Structures are given as C-alpha cells and as structure tokens.
Amino acid sequence: MNPGSAVVAEYLIETPLEPARVAEIMAGEQSCGTFTRVAGESEELRRRAAADVLRVEEIEPSALPSLPSAYLARRGVEGPWRRARVEIAFPLANIGRNLPTLAAIVAGNLYDLGEITGLRLLSLRMPDAFRSRFPGPVAGIGGTRDSVGTGQRPLFGTIIKPNLGLSAEATADLVEDLCEAGVDFIKDDEVNANSDHAPIEERVPAVMRRIRRHRDQTGRTVMMAFNITDEVDAMRRHADLVEATGGTCVMASLNWCGLAAVEALRAATPLALHGHRNGFGAFARDPALGISFRAYQALYRLTGLDHMHVHGLGGKFADFDEDVVDAARACLEPVAVDGAADDRVMPVFSSGQWAGTVAATCEAVAGHDFMFLAGGGILAHPDGPAAGVASLRQAFEAVEAGVPAKHYAEGAPELRRALDFFGPTLG
C-alpha cells in the first residue's frame, strides 16, 4: 500500500498468541474482514480495502496478563504474555472525510478482541492529502498572540476560582481583578459551564463588559475562554453569544462532547477553540490500555482546535514530566508527516503551576510558544494576584537572561516571595 494513501496507526499489543497473527486479525477486523470469509469478499475487494500490517516488533514479555479475556479462558490459553509494537496501514478510501469513522477504524473494536490482553494506540501518521480534508486552527499560536498582544513570550493566565458557586456578577468582579492584575488569559474551570447560579446568558455579558472596559482603559485585551460544553446546538448558541459580546475564545471539554460535536462547533464559530482534555486519564493512565496523548491529540486536532491542555511539570496530577513534555512537543509539530501548513496548536500547561516551574517549562518546549496557567500560583501569592502575575513574568525574564530564578529574585521581590512561599523551583 502506498503510504500516501493510508493512515498508519502504531500500537502496543499484549497477547499469549503469535503477535504477527494477532496483528493480521486486527487489520482484518478494522477493514474488510471478520472471523470468517463472507459473501462478496472478493480478492479484488480485499486488495482495495484491506488494511496492511507494516511492522511487528516483539519486545519483552509481561509476567502477567494486563487484562482478562473470557475468549482465551474458554480455550485454556495461558502465557507467556507476549508484547509487540505493531504498525497497520488503513486505506484513506475506507475513511473518507469522516473523523468519527477514523477513530472507529484505528481504535474501535480492537480493545475488545479476545486475542488481546493489552492494547494501546500509540500514534497516528497521516499524509497531508488526508489532513487537509479537515479544518486547521483558526487562531493557533500566532493568532492567539496577536489577540492579546503578548509578543514573543509565553501567555500567562489563570482559572476562575472557586471552581463553582460564584454568581455571574461575582465572576465578573473576579475577572476585572484579574485583568487589572495583568493576566493575558482567563478560563472557566471545566466543571463550570452553564450552572444555575451563573448561567451563560448572564455570565458572558457580565464578564465581557469588564473585559471591554479594561481594554478601553488600557488598550490591552485579555482573552477569556468561556466553557460552553453542552450539546451541539447549545454550544453554537453560546459561541454566538460570546462573539456578539466581543469575546475571542470558547472552551469545550473534548472527551464529553466528542469529535463530531467539536468539529461542528469549529464549523459554526470563528472564535479560538480551547480544548480541555479532562478525563483523559481514563484513556491513558494504564500503560497497557487506551490511547496515548500523541494519538489522541492527532484525532482532536483534526477538529480545528487552537489550544490544547497538556497538564503541567511537577504538577498535582499523575503525569510523569516526560509525558507532559512529549505532549507539549506533539502539539508543536504538524499533524501530517508531510504537512506544509502551520497547523500547530498552543500547548496549555496547568495544574499546580507557579513561578518555580516556568524555567523548566521553557526548557521543555525549547521556546516560548505555550500558555502557562497558574491558579494558586497567581491567586494564592501572598502579596495578591498582581504579584502572582509579576512573579511569573519575572521568572520568564530570568530564563531570557540566563540566570537561575533564585538569583534573579534578588532584584525581583514578587518572584522572591513566590519562591519563599511555594517552595523551591522545579529541578
């Protein structure tokens, strides 16, 4: 099969059977085959529509099966539990321009195959001819920078806290305080979308009045990502409201909306789309099961996202730092292997971030093309939110000057207070 006419998926599989045979079963299950030949399954059809196994590389076995299988138990099949990296090419013609079908083909029933005791989708490779069928970012990195006027530095932002409970006006009061503190970006928490105590129809106009007033007074625009996660028609209405009131960004919880809904939202609005991955751990925390971030972000970037969460270094979640770094770097690479257009999305670092993790984050992405969200790192700074924002900027100034934060802090009181209060810098 011509690689330019296929999406290539890489997997980690575990099975007590011959891995090469299991790879063929996977290819058949997800293309034109089933457990037995059926009427109409001609050789010509198979040549045209069958998926091809490109590579099977066996690696060290597992001592125990990662997952149970009634199929294997009925047959009395036991270990050793062999593991292998497998690459399968799926014809583009089988997929068409259909993102949910792409996901069903490269994942779908593979997780339920009886021959499998572990399966993880590691990555997706696709030609630009396929990627170009789907939307790219509307704002992306450059457009997001232009919107807030940050120049060549990271965007420093925060999250509405408390997560829930504030009225629309109380939320607007907090946003006004944060704008005055100097943040570039503010987002709703993922659990706060259209609550009874702060419905979107009230919250969006109240917040945008403060943001517009701040812009008129200072010339500085703060980007606010309103969480509009909902069913599709409601998200369209909410995005229209944000746009009508002068907003520039909306946020969706990707896993609970789904690929098709996010794609429909992208088609309905010119606003920047802020992709929140909450719940991703259910897909990824077990190393023998699920979907890696590299494959996950490739699927969701085909919806036309502009920003994508990657968690944070040394943060409060379970991710290893190397996984966070790899996630950020994936966002900063083109989706297609031969992609010519700049379809990079801005990685969003969050969860337990503060001035002491800025330098490590800059090093991880080898630059400043990222969004750095600090909740407590700004709002809990002992000298207030403005000092919290200043501490982040001073930490970045230290990176630019090539000076360790603890030394730069000798002339930067907000950074000094942050280091004393939150603890030592990461690394």
Protein backbone atom coordinates (compact mmCIF):
# COMPACT_ATOMS: atom_id res chain seq x y z
CA MET A 1 0.00 0.00 0.00
CA ASN A 2 1.27 3.48 -0.87
CA PRO A 3 1.93 5.31 2.45
CA GLY A 4 0.44 8.43 0.87
CA SER A 5 -2.91 6.68 0.61
CA ALA A 6 -3.19 5.44 4.19
CA VAL A 7 -3.37 6.41 7.83
CA VAL A 8 -0.75 4.43 9.74
CA ALA A 9 -1.53 3.53 13.34
CA GLU A 10 1.07 2.26 15.78
CA TYR A 11 0.02 0.04 18.68
CA LEU A 12 1.47 -1.70 21.68
CA ILE A 13 -0.22 -5.10 21.99
CA GLU A 14 -0.09 -7.90 24.55
CA THR A 15 -1.23 -11.43 23.72
CA PRO A 16 -0.36 -15.05 24.52
CA LEU A 17 -0.64 -15.80 20.80
CA GLU A 18 1.71 -15.15 17.90
CA PRO A 19 1.87 -11.31 17.64
CA ALA A 20 2.13 -11.32 13.84
CA ARG A 21 -1.06 -13.39 13.61
CA VAL A 22 -2.85 -11.08 16.05
CA ALA A 23 -1.75 -8.06 14.00
CA GLU A 24 -3.38 -9.63 10.94
CA ILE A 25 -6.57 -10.18 12.95
CA MET A 26 -6.50 -6.50 13.98
CA ALA A 27 -6.06 -5.38 10.38
CA GLY A 28 -8.90 -7.57 9.19
CA GLU A 29 -11.29 -6.61 11.99
CA GLN A 30 -10.84 -2.91 11.28
CA SER A 31 -11.08 -3.08 7.50
CA CYS A 32 -12.93 -5.58 5.30
CA GLY A 33 -12.55 -8.81 7.31
CA THR A 34 -14.24 -10.66 10.11
CA PHE A 35 -13.61 -14.03 11.79
CA THR A 36 -14.60 -15.86 8.61
CA ARG A 37 -14.95 -15.16 4.89
CA VAL A 38 -18.33 -13.74 3.88
CA ALA A 39 -20.23 -13.43 0.63
CA GLY A 40 -18.95 -10.63 -1.57
CA GLU A 41 -15.49 -10.61 -0.01
CA SER A 42 -13.61 -10.99 -3.28
CA GLU A 43 -9.86 -10.86 -3.71
CA GLU A 44 -10.24 -7.61 -5.64
CA LEU A 45 -12.19 -6.09 -2.76
CA ARG A 46 -9.55 -7.20 -0.28
CA ARG A 47 -6.75 -5.71 -2.39
CA ARG A 48 -8.63 -2.39 -2.45
CA ALA A 49 -9.97 -2.16 1.08
CA ALA A 50 -7.90 -4.43 3.34
CA ALA A 51 -5.58 -2.87 5.91
CA ASP A 52 -1.91 -3.85 5.73
CA VAL A 53 0.35 -4.88 8.59
CA LEU A 54 3.57 -2.92 8.06
CA ARG A 55 5.62 -3.91 11.09
CA VAL A 56 5.59 -6.29 14.05
CA GLU A 57 8.42 -5.77 16.53
CA GLU A 58 8.30 -8.07 19.53
CA ILE A 59 9.58 -6.65 22.81
CA GLU A 60 9.99 -8.05 26.33
CA PRO A 61 7.03 -10.10 27.56
CA SER A 62 4.84 -9.35 30.54
CA ALA A 63 4.91 -11.58 33.61
CA LEU A 64 1.11 -11.48 33.93
CA PRO A 65 -1.76 -10.55 31.61
CA SER A 66 -2.74 -6.91 31.93
CA LEU A 67 -6.41 -7.62 31.20
CA PRO A 68 -8.67 -10.68 31.47
CA SER A 69 -10.11 -12.36 28.36
CA ALA A 70 -13.02 -14.78 28.50
CA TYR A 71 -12.18 -15.76 24.91
CA LEU A 72 -8.73 -17.02 25.95
CA ALA A 73 -10.03 -18.55 29.17
CA ARG A 74 -12.60 -20.63 27.28
CA ARG A 75 -9.79 -22.04 25.19
CA GLY A 76 -7.45 -22.62 28.11
CA VAL A 77 -4.81 -20.35 26.61
CA GLU A 78 -2.16 -19.17 29.03
CA GLY A 79 1.11 -17.21 28.84
CA PRO A 80 3.76 -16.25 28.19
CA TRP A 81 2.17 -12.87 27.61
CA ARG A 82 3.98 -11.59 24.56
CA ARG A 83 4.17 -7.91 23.74
CA ALA A 84 4.90 -6.22 20.43
CA ARG A 85 4.82 -2.89 18.65
CA VAL A 86 2.62 -3.14 15.59
CA GLU A 87 2.04 -0.77 12.67
CA ILE A 88 -1.06 -1.08 10.48
CA ALA A 89 -1.90 1.00 7.41
CA PHE A 90 -5.59 1.76 6.85
CA PRO A 91 -6.65 2.91 3.36
CA LEU A 92 -7.88 6.51 3.18
CA ALA A 93 -10.69 5.39 0.91
CA ASN A 94 -12.16 3.39 3.78
CA ILE A 95 -12.33 6.53 5.93
CA GLY A 96 -13.40 9.35 3.66
CA ARG A 97 -13.77 12.73 5.32
CA ASN A 98 -15.21 11.31 8.50
CA LEU A 99 -13.47 11.89 11.80
CA PRO A 100 -15.60 9.59 14.00
CA THR A 101 -15.06 6.81 11.46
CA LEU A 102 -11.30 7.40 11.57
CA ALA A 103 -11.45 6.89 15.34
CA ALA A 104 -13.64 3.79 14.95
CA ILE A 105 -11.16 2.30 12.48
CA VAL A 106 -7.91 2.94 14.35
CA ALA A 107 -9.42 2.08 17.75
CA GLY A 108 -12.99 0.80 17.93
CA ASN A 109 -13.41 -2.92 18.48
CA LEU A 110 -9.68 -3.52 18.78
CA TYR A 111 -9.97 -3.05 22.53
CA ASP A 112 -12.49 -5.87 22.72
CA LEU A 113 -10.65 -8.50 20.69
CA GLY A 114 -10.49 -11.78 22.59
CA GLU A 115 -6.92 -12.46 21.48
CA ILE A 116 -5.75 -9.28 23.22
CA THR A 117 -4.79 -8.90 26.89
CA GLY A 118 -3.47 -5.39 26.36
CA LEU A 119 -3.69 -2.79 23.59
CA ARG A 120 -2.64 0.84 23.41
CA LEU A 121 -2.88 3.15 20.40
CA LEU A 122 0.47 4.93 20.41
CA SER A 123 0.48 7.25 17.41
CA LEU A 124 -1.10 8.13 14.08
CA ARG A 125 0.67 9.11 10.89
CA MET A 126 -1.27 10.58 8.01
CA PRO A 127 -0.42 12.27 4.73
CA ASP A 128 -1.16 15.94 4.17
CA ALA A 129 -3.66 14.90 1.50
CA PHE A 130 -5.79 13.45 4.29
CA ARG A 131 -5.08 16.08 6.95
CA SER A 132 -6.12 18.84 4.52
CA ARG A 133 -9.64 17.43 4.39
CA PHE A 134 -10.17 18.69 7.94
CA PRO A 135 -10.01 22.19 9.43
CA GLY A 136 -6.87 23.61 10.92
CA PRO A 137 -6.61 26.14 13.74
CA VAL A 138 -8.34 29.48 13.23
CA ALA A 139 -6.13 31.36 15.68
CA GLY A 140 -3.40 28.89 16.55
CA ILE A 141 -0.24 30.22 18.15
CA GLY A 142 0.22 33.38 16.09
CA GLY A 143 -3.42 34.42 16.16
CA THR A 144 -3.65 33.89 19.90
CA ARG A 145 -0.59 36.05 20.44
CA ASP A 146 -1.97 38.76 18.16
CA SER A 147 -5.28 38.73 20.02
CA VAL A 148 -3.70 39.52 23.37
CA GLY A 149 -0.59 41.35 22.16
CA THR A 150 1.94 39.41 24.17
CA GLY A 151 4.79 39.48 21.70
CA GLN A 152 7.40 36.74 21.92
CA ARG A 153 6.81 35.36 25.38
CA PRO A 154 4.52 32.76 26.93
CA LEU A 155 0.94 33.69 27.69
CA PHE A 156 0.40 33.86 31.44
CA GLY A 157 -3.09 33.16 32.61
CA THR A 158 -5.28 31.70 35.30
CA ILE A 159 -8.52 29.85 36.01
CA ILE A 160 -11.69 31.11 37.66
CA LYS A 161 -11.51 30.01 41.31
CA PRO A 162 -13.59 28.96 43.22
CA ASN A 163 -14.46 26.39 40.56
CA LEU A 164 -18.18 26.74 41.24
CA GLY A 165 -20.51 28.87 43.32
CA LEU A 166 -19.84 32.42 42.14
CA SER A 167 -22.74 34.37 40.68
CA ALA A 168 -22.41 35.96 37.25
CA GLU A 169 -21.60 39.35 38.78
CA ALA A 170 -19.17 37.88 41.30
CA THR A 171 -17.41 36.11 38.42
CA ALA A 172 -17.23 39.41 36.55
CA ASP A 173 -15.77 41.10 39.64
CA LEU A 174 -13.05 38.45 39.81
CA VAL A 175 -12.32 38.76 36.09
CA GLU A 176 -11.96 42.52 36.50
CA ASP A 177 -9.47 41.99 39.33
CA LEU A 178 -7.51 39.51 37.23
CA CYS A 179 -7.42 41.86 34.24
CA GLU A 180 -6.06 44.60 36.48
CA ALA A 181 -3.50 42.14 37.86
CA GLY A 182 -2.06 41.78 34.36
CA VAL A 183 -3.05 38.31 33.16
CA ASP A 184 -3.16 37.60 29.43
CA PHE A 185 -5.72 34.81 29.59
CA ILE A 186 -8.52 33.60 31.86
CA LYS A 187 -10.56 30.42 31.55
CA ASP A 188 -13.58 28.91 33.20
CA ASP A 189 -13.00 25.75 35.15
CA GLU A 190 -14.04 22.60 33.31
CA VAL A 191 -16.84 21.90 35.80
CA ASN A 192 -18.34 25.37 35.44
CA ALA A 193 -20.31 25.65 32.20
CA ASN A 194 -23.98 26.63 32.49
CA SER A 195 -24.77 26.41 36.18
CA ASP A 196 -27.97 27.63 37.80
CA HIS A 197 -26.09 30.19 39.90
CA ALA A 198 -24.20 31.68 36.92
CA PRO A 199 -25.97 30.81 33.66
CA ILE A 200 -24.04 31.53 30.48
CA GLU A 201 -26.66 34.01 29.29
CA GLU A 202 -25.86 36.15 32.36
CA ARG A 203 -22.18 35.33 32.90
CA VAL A 204 -20.88 36.03 29.40
CA PRO A 205 -22.31 39.58 29.08
CA ALA A 206 -21.30 40.46 32.65
CA VAL A 207 -17.73 39.27 32.17
CA MET A 208 -17.32 40.78 28.71
CA ARG A 209 -18.44 44.21 29.98
CA ARG A 210 -15.48 44.20 32.34
CA ILE A 211 -13.04 42.91 29.71
CA ARG A 212 -14.16 45.53 27.19
CA ARG A 213 -13.88 48.27 29.81
CA HIS A 214 -10.38 47.12 30.70
CA ARG A 215 -9.45 47.16 27.01
CA ASP A 216 -10.87 50.65 26.53
CA GLN A 217 -9.00 51.96 29.57
CA THR A 218 -5.65 50.26 28.97
CA GLY A 219 -5.54 49.22 25.31
CA ARG A 220 -4.86 45.68 26.47
CA THR A 221 -7.15 42.78 25.51
CA VAL A 222 -7.48 39.81 27.85
CA MET A 223 -8.60 36.54 26.24
CA MET A 224 -11.34 34.75 28.16
CA ALA A 225 -12.14 31.11 27.37
CA PHE A 226 -15.78 30.61 28.29
CA ASN A 227 -16.66 26.98 28.97
CA ILE A 228 -19.58 26.30 26.63
CA THR A 229 -19.51 22.49 26.92
CA ASP A 230 -23.02 21.26 26.13
CA GLU A 231 -24.98 19.58 23.37
CA VAL A 232 -24.17 20.85 19.87
CA ASP A 233 -26.97 23.37 19.31
CA ALA A 234 -26.43 24.88 22.75
CA MET A 235 -22.69 25.23 22.11
CA ARG A 236 -23.42 27.03 18.85
CA ARG A 237 -25.76 29.44 20.64
CA HIS A 238 -23.27 30.06 23.42
CA ALA A 239 -20.44 30.68 20.94
CA ASP A 240 -22.63 33.19 19.10
CA LEU A 241 -23.26 35.00 22.40
CA VAL A 242 -19.54 35.14 23.19
CA GLU A 243 -18.79 36.52 19.72
CA ALA A 244 -21.64 39.06 19.88
CA THR A 245 -20.33 40.47 23.18
CA GLY A 246 -16.77 40.85 21.87
CA GLY A 247 -15.26 37.61 23.15
CA THR A 248 -12.46 35.82 21.35
CA CYS A 249 -12.37 32.28 22.75
CA VAL A 250 -14.56 29.40 23.87
CA MET A 251 -13.67 26.20 25.65
CA ALA A 252 -15.02 22.67 25.33
CA SER A 253 -14.42 19.51 27.37
CA LEU A 254 -13.28 17.35 24.47
CA ASN A 255 -13.96 13.89 25.83
CA TRP A 256 -17.53 14.60 26.87
CA CYS A 257 -18.51 16.46 23.69
CA GLY A 258 -16.78 14.10 21.29
CA LEU A 259 -15.04 14.50 17.97
CA ALA A 260 -18.13 15.22 15.88
CA ALA A 261 -19.50 17.84 18.28
CA VAL A 262 -16.20 19.71 18.48
CA GLU A 263 -15.91 19.59 14.70
CA ALA A 264 -19.43 21.01 14.40
CA LEU A 265 -18.55 23.78 16.85
CA ARG A 266 -15.46 24.65 14.82
CA ALA A 267 -17.61 24.96 11.68
CA ALA A 268 -20.02 27.28 13.49
CA THR A 269 -17.67 29.86 15.02
CA PRO A 270 -14.59 31.91 14.13
CA LEU A 271 -13.54 32.08 17.79
CA ALA A 272 -10.44 30.38 19.13
CA LEU A 273 -11.23 26.88 20.44
CA HIS A 274 -9.63 25.99 23.75
CA GLY A 275 -9.54 22.20 24.07
CA HIS A 276 -9.72 20.84 27.62
CA ARG A 277 -8.80 17.18 27.96
CA ASN A 278 -10.35 16.47 31.39
CA GLY A 279 -10.97 12.74 31.71
CA PHE A 280 -8.01 11.88 29.50
CA GLY A 281 -6.56 9.77 32.33
CA ALA A 282 -9.31 7.22 31.74
CA PHE A 283 -7.86 6.67 28.27
CA ALA A 284 -4.19 6.79 29.16
CA ARG A 285 -3.14 6.06 32.73
CA ASP A 286 -2.90 2.28 32.29
CA PRO A 287 0.28 1.73 30.23
CA ALA A 288 -1.18 -1.42 28.64
CA LEU A 289 -4.51 0.05 27.64
CA GLY A 290 -6.05 3.04 25.94
CA ILE A 291 -4.78 5.86 23.78
CA SER A 292 -1.54 7.79 24.16
CA PHE A 293 -1.63 11.57 24.01
CA ARG A 294 0.18 11.60 20.67
CA ALA A 295 -2.63 9.65 19.03
CA TYR A 296 -5.33 11.48 21.00
CA GLN A 297 -4.13 14.93 20.07
CA ALA A 298 -3.88 13.98 16.40
CA LEU A 299 -7.56 13.00 16.38
CA TYR A 300 -8.76 16.12 18.18
CA ARG A 301 -6.53 18.48 16.22
CA LEU A 302 -8.41 17.42 13.11
CA THR A 303 -11.44 19.18 14.60
CA GLY A 304 -9.66 22.54 14.27
CA LEU A 305 -8.55 23.28 17.83
CA ASP A 306 -6.33 26.26 18.66
CA HIS A 307 -5.19 25.38 22.20
CA MET A 308 -4.80 22.02 23.92
CA HIS A 309 -4.18 21.13 27.55
CA VAL A 310 -1.11 19.02 28.39
CA HIS A 311 -1.10 19.30 32.22
CA GLY A 312 1.99 20.71 33.94
CA LEU A 313 5.52 19.88 35.03
CA GLY A 314 5.83 18.90 38.67
CA GLY A 315 2.07 19.41 38.92
CA LYS A 316 -0.71 17.96 41.03
CA PHE A 317 -1.74 15.25 38.56
CA ALA A 318 -0.33 11.79 37.93
CA ASP A 319 1.57 12.53 34.72
CA PHE A 320 5.30 11.94 34.62
CA ASP A 321 7.17 15.05 33.50
CA GLU A 322 8.47 13.29 30.38
CA ASP A 323 4.87 12.59 29.33
CA VAL A 324 3.93 16.25 29.78
CA VAL A 325 6.95 17.32 27.74
CA ASP A 326 6.14 14.86 24.96
CA ALA A 327 2.52 16.05 24.90
CA ALA A 328 3.58 19.67 24.51
CA ARG A 329 6.04 18.85 21.77
CA ALA A 330 3.36 16.87 19.91
CA CYS A 331 1.15 19.98 19.89
CA LEU A 332 4.02 21.96 18.36
CA GLU A 333 4.51 19.52 15.48
CA PRO A 334 2.40 19.27 12.32
CA VAL A 335 -0.27 16.57 12.35
CA ALA A 336 0.62 15.27 8.89
CA VAL A 337 4.01 13.67 8.29
CA ASP A 338 4.49 15.84 5.20
CA GLY A 339 2.44 18.80 6.38
CA ALA A 340 3.39 22.11 4.79
CA ALA A 341 0.89 24.40 6.54
CA ASP A 342 1.45 25.60 10.10
CA ASP A 343 -1.26 23.72 11.97
CA ARG A 344 0.47 23.77 15.34
CA VAL A 345 -1.69 24.38 18.39
CA MET A 346 -0.69 26.18 21.54
CA PRO A 347 0.06 23.74 24.38
CA VAL A 348 -1.57 24.75 27.65
CA PHE A 349 0.31 23.96 30.85
CA SER A 350 -1.79 23.90 34.00
CA SER A 351 -2.26 22.06 37.31
CA GLY A 352 -0.11 23.17 40.20
CA GLN A 353 1.91 25.67 38.15
CA TRP A 354 3.69 28.69 39.59
CA ALA A 355 6.77 30.83 39.03
CA GLY A 356 9.06 27.99 40.05
CA THR A 357 8.00 25.81 37.10
CA VAL A 358 8.37 28.47 34.37
CA ALA A 359 12.03 27.79 33.57
CA ALA A 360 11.54 24.03 33.28
CA THR A 361 8.55 24.60 31.00
CA CYS A 362 10.53 26.91 28.71
CA GLU A 363 13.27 24.31 28.51
CA ALA A 364 10.78 21.54 27.81
CA VAL A 365 9.31 23.24 24.73
CA ALA A 366 12.61 24.85 23.70
CA GLY A 367 10.98 28.25 23.44
CA HIS A 368 8.01 30.33 24.49
CA ASP A 369 5.16 29.05 22.33
CA PHE A 370 2.92 27.94 25.17
CA MET A 371 0.22 29.06 27.55
CA PHE A 372 1.03 28.89 31.25
CA LEU A 373 -2.00 28.80 33.54
CA ALA A 374 -1.47 29.25 37.27
CA GLY A 375 -4.48 29.12 39.57
CA GLY A 376 -2.99 29.10 43.03
CA GLY A 377 0.32 30.35 41.62
CA ILE A 378 -1.40 33.67 40.93
CA LEU A 379 -4.42 33.80 43.20
CA ALA A 380 -2.63 32.44 46.28
CA HIS A 381 0.50 34.59 46.01
CA PRO A 382 0.96 36.11 49.50
CA ASP A 383 1.02 39.63 48.06
CA GLY A 384 -2.03 39.19 45.85
CA PRO A 385 -2.84 38.30 42.23
CA ALA A 386 -0.89 41.19 40.68
CA ALA A 387 2.23 40.00 42.47
CA GLY A 388 1.48 36.47 41.33
CA VAL A 389 1.40 37.57 37.69
CA ALA A 390 4.55 39.64 38.20
CA SER A 391 6.33 36.61 39.67
CA LEU A 392 5.58 34.61 36.50
CA ARG A 393 6.87 37.34 34.23
CA GLN A 394 9.97 37.76 36.36
CA ALA A 395 10.60 34.02 36.20
CA PHE A 396 10.48 34.26 32.40
CA GLU A 397 12.78 37.29 32.46
CA ALA A 398 15.25 35.16 34.42
CA VAL A 399 15.09 32.50 31.71
CA GLU A 400 15.70 35.10 29.00
CA ALA A 401 18.64 36.48 30.98
CA GLY A 402 20.08 33.00 31.54
CA VAL A 403 20.00 33.48 35.29
CA PRO A 404 18.61 30.97 37.82
CA ALA A 405 15.35 32.17 39.33
CA LYS A 406 16.73 32.23 42.86
CA HIS A 407 19.48 34.66 41.78
CA TYR A 408 17.20 36.80 39.61
CA ALA A 409 14.81 37.03 42.55
CA GLU A 410 17.33 39.14 44.47
CA GLY A 411 16.09 42.09 42.41
CA ALA A 412 12.56 40.83 41.83
CA PRO A 413 10.55 40.95 45.08
CA GLU A 414 7.41 39.24 43.71
CA LEU A 415 9.46 36.29 42.48
CA ARG A 416 11.35 36.18 45.76
CA ARG A 417 8.10 35.98 47.72
CA ALA A 418 6.79 33.25 45.43
CA LEU A 419 9.92 31.16 45.91
CA ASP A 420 9.74 31.58 49.67
CA PHE A 421 6.02 30.82 49.83
CA PHE A 422 5.52 27.99 47.31
CA GLY A 423 8.85 26.25 47.65
CA PRO A 424 11.96 25.61 45.56
CA THR A 425 11.95 25.80 41.77
CA LEU A 426 11.36 22.65 39.74
CA GLY A 427 14.65 20.94 39.01
